[in-house]
Amino acid sequence: MNNQQLSLIEAMDQQYIRVAKSGIVCNLPARTSVVAAANPYGGHYNKARTISENVKMSTSLLSRFDLIFVLFDRPDEEMDHQLSERVMASHFGKKRKFISNLKLPVPSSIDYISENDATQMSLSDKLKYYNREEYEPIPPSLLNKYIAYARSKVYPKL
């Protein structure tokens, strides 16, 4: 078990952290909640192994958590492709239509989807629908003008 895991066990179990810096040693209170996420060792979860073997974490550290959820990602090439297209589009802005192999009978604009329809759609259907949506990002020159205006005219108060 490495030093980081030992420090986590101490903080979660004894509710304090011991710090030694520049010859000064002190105990600091550490009353907090810990939420953690881990990916399986090797990239794929092996159902034949235990959770601690899959994430390479000691059982003493895992026993400190009240709840442990295991989420499985079942390989689906089409869904993975649509998710990656959506993420890339959100980061770089869409200038072109992303092509979806499956045609869905959905309206051409997002304004026509009601909230009820959106909650009843599966994730894959939502991704197929939203990938058809087109938008233009704000031109950099206009954004620069807006920021310059805001800096000179707007004075927020807290």
Protein backbone atom coordinates (compact mmCIF):
# COMPACT_ATOMS: atom_id res chain seq x y z
CA MET A 1 0.00 0.00 0.00
CA ASN A 2 1.45 3.36 -0.97
CA ASN A 3 1.79 6.47 1.19
CA GLN A 4 -1.21 8.22 -0.40
CA GLN A 5 -3.51 5.33 0.48
CA LEU A 6 -2.20 5.28 4.05
CA SER A 7 -2.89 9.02 4.35
CA LEU A 8 -6.44 8.51 3.06
CA ILE A 9 -7.08 5.69 5.53
CA GLU A 10 -5.83 7.84 8.40
CA ALA A 11 -8.02 10.80 7.36
CA MET A 12 -11.14 8.66 6.89
CA ASP A 13 -10.64 6.55 10.00
CA GLN A 14 -9.23 8.93 12.64
CA GLN A 15 -10.73 12.19 11.29
CA TYR A 16 -7.41 14.06 11.38
CA ILE A 17 -4.32 14.46 9.23
CA ARG A 18 -0.80 14.64 10.58
CA VAL A 19 1.35 17.24 8.78
CA ALA A 20 5.12 17.65 9.22
CA LYS A 21 6.64 20.63 7.40
CA SER A 22 9.84 22.57 8.20
CA GLY A 23 10.29 20.87 11.55
CA ILE A 24 6.74 21.69 12.68
CA VAL A 25 4.41 18.77 13.33
CA CYS A 26 0.69 19.33 13.80
CA ASN A 27 -2.57 17.43 13.63
CA LEU A 28 -5.31 19.03 11.57
CA PRO A 29 -9.00 18.06 11.83
CA ALA A 30 -10.30 16.40 8.70
CA ARG A 31 -14.03 15.95 9.12
CA THR A 32 -15.15 15.58 5.55
CA SER A 33 -16.89 13.30 3.10
CA VAL A 34 -14.95 11.54 0.40
CA VAL A 35 -16.34 10.79 -3.03
CA ALA A 36 -13.97 8.82 -5.23
CA ALA A 37 -13.96 7.27 -8.68
CA ALA A 38 -11.58 4.66 -10.06
CA ASN A 39 -11.00 3.03 -13.40
CA PRO A 40 -10.21 -0.66 -13.56
CA TYR A 41 -6.60 -1.75 -13.89
CA GLY A 42 -5.92 -2.58 -17.53
CA GLY A 43 -8.89 -0.57 -18.78
CA HIS A 44 -11.55 -3.32 -18.54
CA TYR A 45 -13.40 -4.61 -15.49
CA ASN A 46 -12.83 -8.33 -14.94
CA LYS A 47 -15.92 -9.88 -13.31
CA ALA A 48 -13.84 -12.84 -12.13
CA ARG A 49 -11.83 -10.57 -9.82
CA THR A 50 -12.87 -8.63 -6.72
CA ILE A 51 -13.35 -4.87 -6.71
CA SER A 52 -10.08 -4.29 -4.88
CA GLU A 53 -8.19 -6.39 -7.46
CA ASN A 54 -9.85 -4.55 -10.35
CA VAL A 55 -8.99 -1.06 -9.12
CA LYS A 56 -5.72 -1.98 -7.37
CA MET A 57 -6.88 -0.53 -4.05
CA SER A 58 -6.46 -2.16 -0.67
CA THR A 59 -9.49 -3.72 1.00
CA SER A 60 -8.76 -1.71 4.16
CA LEU A 61 -9.22 1.51 2.20
CA LEU A 62 -12.29 0.25 0.34
CA SER A 63 -13.90 -0.78 3.64
CA ARG A 64 -13.90 2.89 4.76
CA PHE A 65 -16.43 3.82 2.05
CA ASP A 66 -20.11 3.51 2.97
CA LEU A 67 -21.34 2.99 -0.59
CA ILE A 68 -19.58 1.45 -3.57
CA PHE A 69 -21.15 1.44 -7.03
CA VAL A 70 -19.73 -0.49 -9.95
CA LEU A 71 -20.67 0.92 -13.35
CA PHE A 72 -20.16 -1.25 -16.41
CA ASP A 73 -19.54 0.14 -19.87
CA ARG A 74 -20.75 -2.42 -22.34
CA PRO A 75 -18.86 -1.96 -25.61
CA ASP A 76 -21.07 -0.42 -28.29
CA GLU A 77 -19.19 1.06 -31.21
CA GLU A 78 -22.10 3.16 -32.52
CA MET A 79 -22.92 4.66 -29.11
CA ASP A 80 -19.23 5.38 -28.43
CA HIS A 81 -18.95 7.12 -31.81
CA GLN A 82 -22.01 9.28 -31.13
CA LEU A 83 -20.76 10.22 -27.65
CA SER A 84 -17.34 11.18 -28.97
CA GLU A 85 -18.93 13.25 -31.78
CA ARG A 86 -21.08 15.07 -29.23
CA VAL A 87 -18.13 15.79 -26.93
CA MET A 88 -15.95 16.98 -29.79
CA ALA A 89 -18.76 19.18 -31.10
CA SER A 90 -19.29 20.78 -27.71
CA HIS A 91 -15.58 21.59 -27.40
CA PHE A 92 -14.89 22.87 -30.90
CA GLY A 93 -18.28 24.16 -32.04
CA LYS A 94 -20.15 22.76 -34.99
CA LYS A 95 -19.60 24.24 -38.41
CA ARG A 96 -20.71 21.14 -40.23
CA LYS A 97 -23.44 18.61 -39.72
CA PHE A 98 -22.34 15.43 -38.03
CA ILE A 99 -23.55 12.42 -39.93
CA SER A 100 -25.59 9.81 -38.12
CA ASN A 101 -26.07 6.46 -39.83
CA LEU A 102 -29.53 6.00 -38.37
CA LYS A 103 -32.34 8.28 -39.51
CA LEU A 104 -34.80 9.27 -36.82
CA PRO A 105 -38.18 10.91 -37.37
CA VAL A 106 -37.33 13.99 -35.32
CA PRO A 107 -37.94 17.67 -36.03
CA SER A 108 -35.16 19.74 -37.58
CA SER A 109 -34.90 22.19 -34.67
CA ILE A 110 -34.39 21.58 -30.97
CA ASP A 111 -37.15 24.11 -30.20
CA TYR A 112 -39.80 21.58 -31.24
CA ILE A 113 -38.88 18.93 -28.66
CA SER A 114 -40.98 19.24 -25.54
CA GLU A 115 -39.52 18.56 -22.12
CA ASN A 116 -41.68 15.43 -21.86
CA ASP A 117 -40.35 14.07 -25.14
CA ALA A 118 -36.76 14.78 -24.09
CA THR A 119 -37.13 12.91 -20.79
CA GLN A 120 -38.67 9.90 -22.50
CA MET A 121 -35.95 9.63 -25.16
CA SER A 122 -33.09 7.22 -24.56
CA LEU A 123 -29.54 8.57 -24.41
CA SER A 124 -28.70 7.16 -27.83
CA ASP A 125 -31.78 8.84 -29.37
CA LYS A 126 -30.87 12.17 -27.75
CA LEU A 127 -27.34 11.92 -29.11
CA LYS A 128 -28.61 11.14 -32.60
CA TYR A 129 -30.99 14.10 -32.43
CA TYR A 130 -28.56 16.65 -30.99
CA ASN A 131 -25.82 15.67 -33.44
CA ARG A 132 -28.05 17.00 -36.24
CA GLU A 133 -28.28 20.41 -34.59
CA GLU A 134 -26.19 23.15 -36.17
CA TYR A 135 -24.88 26.28 -34.50
CA GLU A 136 -22.20 28.84 -35.13
CA PRO A 137 -19.83 29.86 -32.34
CA ILE A 138 -19.41 33.54 -31.50
CA PRO A 139 -16.74 35.05 -33.79
CA PRO A 140 -13.54 35.86 -31.83
CA SER A 141 -13.56 39.51 -32.90
CA LEU A 142 -17.09 40.02 -31.53
CA LEU A 143 -16.16 38.21 -28.30
CA ASN A 144 -13.09 40.44 -27.87
CA LYS A 145 -15.24 43.57 -28.36
CA TYR A 146 -17.78 42.29 -25.83
CA ILE A 147 -15.07 41.59 -23.23
CA ALA A 148 -13.48 45.01 -23.79
CA TYR A 149 -16.88 46.71 -23.38
CA ALA A 150 -17.65 44.72 -20.22
CA ARG A 151 -14.28 45.61 -18.69
CA SER A 152 -14.76 49.31 -19.34
CA LYS A 153 -18.47 49.71 -18.51
CA VAL A 154 -19.48 46.99 -16.04
CA TYR A 155 -18.45 47.13 -12.37
CA PRO A 156 -20.04 44.25 -10.43
CA LYS A 157 -20.40 44.49 -6.65
CA LEU A 158 -20.37 41.52 -4.32
